[in-house]
PDB file of all heavy atoms in Angstrom:
ATOM      1  N   ILE A   1     -46.597 -28.425 -84.249  1.00  0.00           N
ATOM      2  CA  ILE A   1     -45.976 -28.973 -83.040  1.00  0.00           C
ATOM      3  C   ILE A   1     -44.560 -28.419 -82.940  1.00  0.00           C
ATOM      4  O   ILE A   1     -43.800 -28.452 -83.919  1.00  0.00           O
ATOM      5  CB  ILE A   1     -45.921 -30.512 -83.081  1.00  0.00           C
ATOM      6  CG1 ILE A   1     -47.304 -31.097 -83.363  1.00  0.00           C
ATOM      7  CG2 ILE A   1     -45.382 -31.068 -81.772  1.00  0.00           C
ATOM      8  CD1 ILE A   1     -47.309 -32.592 -83.578  1.00  0.00           C
ATOM      9  N   THR A   2     -44.214 -27.886 -81.791  1.00  0.00           N
ATOM     10  CA  THR A   2     -42.844 -27.427 -81.555  1.00  0.00           C
ATOM     11  C   THR A   2     -42.223 -28.296 -80.458  1.00  0.00           C
ATOM     12  O   THR A   2     -42.914 -28.767 -79.557  1.00  0.00           O
ATOM     13  CB  THR A   2     -42.818 -25.956 -81.101  1.00  0.00           C
ATOM     14  OG1 THR A   2     -43.608 -25.829 -79.900  1.00  0.00           O
ATOM     15  CG2 THR A   2     -43.382 -25.050 -82.174  1.00  0.00           C
ATOM     16  N   ALA A   3     -40.937 -28.521 -80.556  1.00  0.00           N
ATOM     17  CA  ALA A   3     -40.239 -29.333 -79.552  1.00  0.00           C
ATOM     18  C   ALA A   3     -38.787 -28.903 -79.470  1.00  0.00           C
ATOM     19  O   ALA A   3     -38.195 -28.447 -80.455  1.00  0.00           O
ATOM     20  CB  ALA A   3     -40.325 -30.817 -79.907  1.00  0.00           C
ATOM     21  N   SER A   4     -38.214 -29.041 -78.274  1.00  0.00           N
ATOM     22  CA  SER A   4     -36.798 -28.734 -78.085  1.00  0.00           C
ATOM     23  C   SER A   4     -36.218 -29.654 -77.026  1.00  0.00           C
ATOM     24  O   SER A   4     -36.933 -30.142 -76.142  1.00  0.00           O
ATOM     25  CB  SER A   4     -36.604 -27.270 -77.662  1.00  0.00           C
ATOM     26  OG  SER A   4     -37.225 -27.033 -76.408  1.00  0.00           O
ATOM     27  N   LEU A   5     -34.941 -29.920 -77.134  1.00  0.00           N
ATOM     28  CA  LEU A   5     -34.207 -30.725 -76.157  1.00  0.00           C
ATOM     29  C   LEU A   5     -33.206 -29.822 -75.458  1.00  0.00           C
ATOM     30  O   LEU A   5     -32.358 -29.198 -76.102  1.00  0.00           O
ATOM     31  CB  LEU A   5     -33.479 -31.884 -76.849  1.00  0.00           C
ATOM     32  CG  LEU A   5     -32.594 -32.749 -75.952  1.00  0.00           C
ATOM     33  CD1 LEU A   5     -33.437 -33.545 -74.967  1.00  0.00           C
ATOM     34  CD2 LEU A   5     -31.719 -33.691 -76.787  1.00  0.00           C
ATOM     35  N   ASN A   6     -33.320 -29.737 -74.117  1.00  0.00           N
ATOM     36  CA  ASN A   6     -32.487 -28.813 -73.344  1.00  0.00           C
ATOM     37  C   ASN A   6     -31.570 -29.563 -72.398  1.00  0.00           C
ATOM     38  O   ASN A   6     -31.994 -30.501 -71.701  1.00  0.00           O
ATOM     39  CB  ASN A   6     -33.382 -27.876 -72.513  1.00  0.00           C
ATOM     40  CG  ASN A   6     -34.379 -27.137 -73.376  1.00  0.00           C
ATOM     41  OD1 ASN A   6     -33.992 -26.374 -74.240  1.00  0.00           O
ATOM     42  ND2 ASN A   6     -35.658 -27.377 -73.161  1.00  0.00           N
ATOM     43  N   ASP A   7     -30.304 -29.154 -72.367  1.00  0.00           N
ATOM     44  CA  ASP A   7     -29.347 -29.640 -71.379  1.00  0.00           C
ATOM     45  C   ASP A   7     -29.386 -28.648 -70.220  1.00  0.00           C
ATOM     46  O   ASP A   7     -28.853 -27.540 -70.312  1.00  0.00           O
ATOM     47  CB  ASP A   7     -27.949 -29.708 -71.986  1.00  0.00           C
ATOM     48  CG  ASP A   7     -26.909 -30.265 -71.015  1.00  0.00           C
ATOM     49  OD1 ASP A   7     -27.144 -30.230 -69.788  1.00  0.00           O
ATOM     50  OD2 ASP A   7     -25.857 -30.736 -71.477  1.00  0.00           O
ATOM     51  N   THR A   8     -30.042 -29.007 -69.120  1.00  0.00           N
ATOM     52  CA  THR A   8     -30.263 -28.049 -68.025  1.00  0.00           C
ATOM     53  C   THR A   8     -28.997 -27.781 -67.230  1.00  0.00           C
ATOM     54  O   THR A   8     -28.907 -26.745 -66.576  1.00  0.00           O
ATOM     55  CB  THR A   8     -31.364 -28.565 -67.085  1.00  0.00           C
ATOM     56  OG1 THR A   8     -30.952 -29.795 -66.478  1.00  0.00           O
ATOM     57  CG2 THR A   8     -32.664 -28.778 -67.842  1.00  0.00           C
ATOM     58  N   GLN A   9     -28.025 -28.698 -67.270  1.00  0.00           N
ATOM     59  CA  GLN A   9     -26.771 -28.452 -66.545  1.00  0.00           C
ATOM     60  C   GLN A   9     -25.949 -27.363 -67.220  1.00  0.00           C
ATOM     61  O   GLN A   9     -25.353 -26.511 -66.561  1.00  0.00           O
ATOM     62  CB  GLN A   9     -25.966 -29.751 -66.439  1.00  0.00           C
ATOM     63  CG  GLN A   9     -26.525 -30.744 -65.428  1.00  0.00           C
ATOM     64  CD  GLN A   9     -25.598 -31.925 -65.203  1.00  0.00           C
ATOM     65  OE1 GLN A   9     -24.449 -31.930 -65.662  1.00  0.00           O
ATOM     66  NE2 GLN A   9     -26.085 -32.935 -64.496  1.00  0.00           N
ATOM     67  N   ARG A  10     -25.920 -27.406 -68.549  1.00  0.00           N
ATOM     68  CA  ARG A  10     -25.137 -26.420 -69.293  1.00  0.00           C
ATOM     69  C   ARG A  10     -25.965 -25.213 -69.719  1.00  0.00           C
ATOM     70  O   ARG A  10     -25.410 -24.230 -70.222  1.00  0.00           O
ATOM     71  CB  ARG A  10     -24.526 -27.071 -70.541  1.00  0.00           C
ATOM     72  CG  ARG A  10     -23.506 -28.153 -70.217  1.00  0.00           C
ATOM     73  CD  ARG A  10     -22.882 -28.683 -71.497  1.00  0.00           C
ATOM     74  NE  ARG A  10     -21.857 -29.670 -71.236  1.00  0.00           N
ATOM     75  CZ  ARG A  10     -21.145 -30.293 -72.162  1.00  0.00           C
ATOM     76  NH1 ARG A  10     -21.364 -30.004 -73.444  1.00  0.00           N
ATOM     77  NH2 ARG A  10     -20.234 -31.181 -71.835  1.00  0.00           N
ATOM     78  N   GLY A  11     -27.279 -25.315 -69.573  1.00  0.00           N
ATOM     79  CA  GLY A  11     -28.144 -24.226 -70.010  1.00  0.00           C
ATOM     80  C   GLY A  11     -28.165 -24.067 -71.515  1.00  0.00           C
ATOM     81  O   GLY A  11     -28.242 -22.942 -72.024  1.00  0.00           O
ATOM     82  N   GLU A  12     -28.082 -25.186 -72.243  1.00  0.00           N
ATOM     83  CA  GLU A  12     -28.019 -25.145 -73.706  1.00  0.00           C
ATOM     84  C   GLU A  12     -29.221 -25.856 -74.324  1.00  0.00           C
ATOM     85  O   GLU A  12     -29.719 -26.848 -73.777  1.00  0.00           O
ATOM     86  CB  GLU A  12     -26.747 -25.838 -74.211  1.00  0.00           C
ATOM     87  CG  GLU A  12     -25.458 -25.175 -73.774  1.00  0.00           C
ATOM     88  CD  GLU A  12     -24.235 -25.949 -74.249  1.00  0.00           C
ATOM     89  OE1 GLU A  12     -24.411 -27.057 -74.800  1.00  0.00           O
ATOM     90  OE2 GLU A  12     -23.111 -25.443 -74.043  1.00  0.00           O
ATOM     91  N   ILE A  13     -29.653 -25.344 -75.470  1.00  0.00           N
ATOM     92  CA  ILE A  13     -30.657 -26.042 -76.275  1.00  0.00           C
ATOM     93  C   ILE A  13     -29.898 -26.898 -77.282  1.00  0.00           C
ATOM     94  O   ILE A  13     -29.191 -26.370 -78.157  1.00  0.00           O
ATOM     95  CB  ILE A  13     -31.599 -25.061 -76.997  1.00  0.00           C
ATOM     96  CG1 ILE A  13     -32.402 -24.248 -75.965  1.00  0.00           C
ATOM     97  CG2 ILE A  13     -32.548 -25.809 -77.927  1.00  0.00           C
ATOM     98  CD1 ILE A  13     -33.295 -23.198 -76.594  1.00  0.00           C
ATOM     99  N   LEU A  14     -29.994 -28.208 -77.164  1.00  0.00           N
ATOM    100  CA  LEU A  14     -29.248 -29.116 -78.025  1.00  0.00           C
ATOM    101  C   LEU A  14     -29.932 -29.316 -79.374  1.00  0.00           C
ATOM    102  O   LEU A  14     -29.273 -29.627 -80.371  1.00  0.00           O
ATOM    103  CB  LEU A  14     -29.086 -30.477 -77.342  1.00  0.00           C
ATOM    104  CG  LEU A  14     -28.367 -30.480 -75.978  1.00  0.00           C
ATOM    105  CD1 LEU A  14     -28.267 -31.900 -75.452  1.00  0.00           C
ATOM    106  CD2 LEU A  14     -26.984 -29.860 -76.092  1.00  0.00           C
ATOM    107  N   TRP A  15     -31.243 -29.155 -79.376  1.00  0.00           N
ATOM    108  CA  TRP A  15     -31.993 -29.415 -80.612  1.00  0.00           C
ATOM    109  C   TRP A  15     -33.351 -28.750 -80.509  1.00  0.00           C
ATOM    110  O   TRP A  15     -33.950 -28.707 -79.441  1.00  0.00           O
ATOM    111  CB  TRP A  15     -32.149 -30.929 -80.791  1.00  0.00           C
ATOM    112  CG  TRP A  15     -33.156 -31.328 -81.815  1.00  0.00           C
ATOM    113  CD1 TRP A  15     -32.969 -31.410 -83.165  1.00  0.00           C
ATOM    114  CD2 TRP A  15     -34.524 -31.697 -81.579  1.00  0.00           C
ATOM    115  NE1 TRP A  15     -34.137 -31.808 -83.786  1.00  0.00           N
ATOM    116  CE2 TRP A  15     -35.099 -31.999 -82.831  1.00  0.00           C
ATOM    117  CE3 TRP A  15     -35.305 -31.807 -80.436  1.00  0.00           C
ATOM    118  CZ2 TRP A  15     -36.429 -32.389 -82.963  1.00  0.00           C
ATOM    119  CZ3 TRP A  15     -36.624 -32.199 -80.565  1.00  0.00           C
ATOM    120  CH2 TRP A  15     -37.170 -32.492 -81.823  1.00  0.00           C
ATOM    121  N   THR A  16     -33.813 -28.194 -81.610  1.00  0.00           N
ATOM    122  CA  THR A  16     -35.156 -27.618 -81.638  1.00  0.00           C
ATOM    123  C   THR A  16     -35.744 -27.805 -83.030  1.00  0.00           C
ATOM    124  O   THR A  16     -35.003 -27.858 -84.029  1.00  0.00           O
ATOM    125  CB  THR A  16     -35.152 -26.131 -81.256  1.00  0.00           C
ATOM    126  OG1 THR A  16     -36.504 -25.657 -81.176  1.00  0.00           O
ATOM    127  CG2 THR A  16     -34.386 -25.293 -82.261  1.00  0.00           C
ATOM    128  N   ASN A  17     -37.049 -27.936 -83.093  1.00  0.00           N
ATOM    129  CA  ASN A  17     -37.678 -28.167 -84.394  1.00  0.00           C
ATOM    130  C   ASN A  17     -39.131 -27.720 -84.349  1.00  0.00           C
ATOM    131  O   ASN A  17     -39.746 -27.679 -83.281  1.00  0.00           O
ATOM    132  CB  ASN A  17     -37.597 -29.643 -84.786  1.00  0.00           C
ATOM    133  CG  ASN A  17     -37.802 -29.846 -86.281  1.00  0.00           C
ATOM    134  OD1 ASN A  17     -37.967 -28.887 -87.031  1.00  0.00           O
ATOM    135  ND2 ASN A  17     -37.784 -31.102 -86.713  1.00  0.00           N
ATOM    136  N   LYS A  18     -39.660 -27.408 -85.519  1.00  0.00           N
ATOM    137  CA  LYS A  18     -41.065 -27.045 -85.681  1.00  0.00           C
ATOM    138  C   LYS A  18     -41.644 -27.946 -86.764  1.00  0.00           C
ATOM    139  O   LYS A  18     -40.999 -28.179 -87.792  1.00  0.00           O
ATOM    140  CB  LYS A  18     -41.194 -25.579 -86.079  1.00  0.00           C
ATOM    141  CG  LYS A  18     -42.627 -25.114 -86.300  1.00  0.00           C
ATOM    142  CD  LYS A  18     -42.653 -23.642 -86.637  1.00  0.00           C
ATOM    143  CE  LYS A  18     -42.034 -23.374 -87.997  1.00  0.00           C
ATOM    144  NZ  LYS A  18     -42.140 -21.948 -88.393  1.00  0.00           N
ATOM    145  N   PHE A  19     -42.838 -28.450 -86.493  1.00  0.00           N
ATOM    146  CA  PHE A  19     -43.453 -29.411 -87.425  1.00  0.00           C
ATOM    147  C   PHE A  19     -44.853 -28.931 -87.784  1.00  0.00           C
ATOM    148  O   PHE A  19     -45.685 -28.716 -86.911  1.00  0.00           O
ATOM    149  CB  PHE A  19     -43.521 -30.782 -86.760  1.00  0.00           C
ATOM    150  CG  PHE A  19     -44.143 -31.856 -87.609  1.00  0.00           C
ATOM    151  CD1 PHE A  19     -43.375 -32.565 -88.516  1.00  0.00           C
ATOM    152  CD2 PHE A  19     -45.483 -32.154 -87.494  1.00  0.00           C
ATOM    153  CE1 PHE A  19     -43.938 -33.560 -89.298  1.00  0.00           C
ATOM    154  CE2 PHE A  19     -46.067 -33.147 -88.270  1.00  0.00           C
ATOM    155  CZ  PHE A  19     -45.288 -33.855 -89.171  1.00  0.00           C
ATOM    156  N   ASP A  20     -45.081 -28.720 -89.077  1.00  0.00           N
ATOM    157  CA  ASP A  20     -46.402 -28.327 -89.567  1.00  0.00           C
ATOM    158  C   ASP A  20     -46.961 -29.451 -90.417  1.00  0.00           C
ATOM    159  O   ASP A  20     -46.275 -29.980 -91.305  1.00  0.00           O
ATOM    160  CB  ASP A  20     -46.312 -27.047 -90.417  1.00  0.00           C
ATOM    161  CG  ASP A  20     -46.004 -25.838 -89.562  1.00  0.00           C
ATOM    162  OD1 ASP A  20     -46.793 -25.553 -88.639  1.00  0.00           O
ATOM    163  OD2 ASP A  20     -44.971 -25.192 -89.796  1.00  0.00           O
ATOM    164  N   GLY A  21     -48.199 -29.816 -90.159  1.00  0.00           N
ATOM    165  CA  GLY A  21     -48.811 -30.878 -90.942  1.00  0.00           C
ATOM    166  C   GLY A  21     -50.233 -31.122 -90.495  1.00  0.00           C
ATOM    167  O   GLY A  21     -50.863 -30.270 -89.861  1.00  0.00           O
ATOM    168  N   SER A  22     -50.727 -32.310 -90.791  1.00  0.00           N
ATOM    169  CA  SER A  22     -52.060 -32.715 -90.383  1.00  0.00           C
ATOM    170  C   SER A  22     -51.932 -33.885 -89.417  1.00  0.00           C
ATOM    171  O   SER A  22     -50.835 -34.396 -89.173  1.00  0.00           O
ATOM    172  CB  SER A  22     -52.891 -33.133 -91.602  1.00  0.00           C
ATOM    173  OG  SER A  22     -52.320 -34.278 -92.209  1.00  0.00           O
ATOM    174  N   PHE A  23     -53.063 -34.312 -88.885  1.00  0.00           N
ATOM    175  CA  PHE A  23     -53.027 -35.407 -87.922  1.00  0.00           C
ATOM    176  C   PHE A  23     -52.443 -36.672 -88.544  1.00  0.00           C
ATOM    177  O   PHE A  23     -51.807 -37.469 -87.863  1.00  0.00           O
ATOM    178  CB  PHE A  23     -54.437 -35.686 -87.397  1.00  0.00           C
ATOM    179  CG  PHE A  23     -54.459 -36.564 -86.184  1.00  0.00           C
ATOM    180  CD1 PHE A  23     -54.322 -36.034 -84.912  1.00  0.00           C
ATOM    181  CD2 PHE A  23     -54.586 -37.944 -86.304  1.00  0.00           C
ATOM    182  CE1 PHE A  23     -54.313 -36.845 -83.797  1.00  0.00           C
ATOM    183  CE2 PHE A  23     -54.583 -38.758 -85.200  1.00  0.00           C
ATOM    184  CZ  PHE A  23     -54.456 -38.208 -83.941  1.00  0.00           C
ATOM    185  N   GLU A  24     -52.629 -36.844 -89.854  1.00  0.00           N
ATOM    186  CA  GLU A  24     -52.107 -38.029 -90.529  1.00  0.00           C
ATOM    187  C   GLU A  24     -50.581 -38.094 -90.483  1.00  0.00           C
ATOM    188  O   GLU A  24     -49.984 -39.158 -90.659  1.00  0.00           O
ATOM    189  CB  GLU A  24     -52.570 -38.061 -91.987  1.00  0.00           C
ATOM    190  CG  GLU A  24     -54.030 -38.453 -92.182  1.00  0.00           C
ATOM    191  CD  GLU A  24     -54.995 -37.327 -91.851  1.00  0.00           C
ATOM    192  OE1 GLU A  24     -54.530 -36.203 -91.568  1.00  0.00           O
ATOM    193  OE2 GLU A  24     -56.220 -37.574 -91.851  1.00  0.00           O
ATOM    194  N   ASP A  25     -49.920 -36.950 -90.240  1.00  0.00           N
ATOM    195  CA  ASP A  25     -48.457 -36.899 -90.237  1.00  0.00           C
ATOM    196  C   ASP A  25     -47.850 -37.093 -88.843  1.00  0.00           C
ATOM    197  O   ASP A  25     -46.640 -36.984 -88.667  1.00  0.00           O
ATOM    198  CB  ASP A  25     -47.976 -35.542 -90.775  1.00  0.00           C
ATOM    199  CG  ASP A  25     -48.531 -35.243 -92.156  1.00  0.00           C
ATOM    200  OD1 ASP A  25     -48.485 -36.148 -93.003  1.00  0.00           O
ATOM    201  OD2 ASP A  25     -48.996 -34.115 -92.373  1.00  0.00           O
ATOM    202  N   VAL A  26     -48.689 -37.377 -87.835  1.00  0.00           N
ATOM    203  CA  VAL A  26     -48.212 -37.369 -86.459  1.00  0.00           C
ATOM    204  C   VAL A  26     -47.155 -38.432 -86.200  1.00  0.00           C
ATOM    205  O   VAL A  26     -46.229 -38.231 -85.417  1.00  0.00           O
ATOM    206  CB  VAL A  26     -49.400 -37.522 -85.484  1.00  0.00           C
ATOM    207  CG1 VAL A  26     -50.030 -38.904 -85.594  1.00  0.00           C
ATOM    208  CG2 VAL A  26     -48.968 -37.265 -84.059  1.00  0.00           C
TER     209      VAL A  26
END
């Protein structure tokens, strides 16, 4: 699962992360 938080006014990515695991870790 990949996810990122974007500030669209400033055009900046405030946070990004990648998560590897199994369904039990959701």
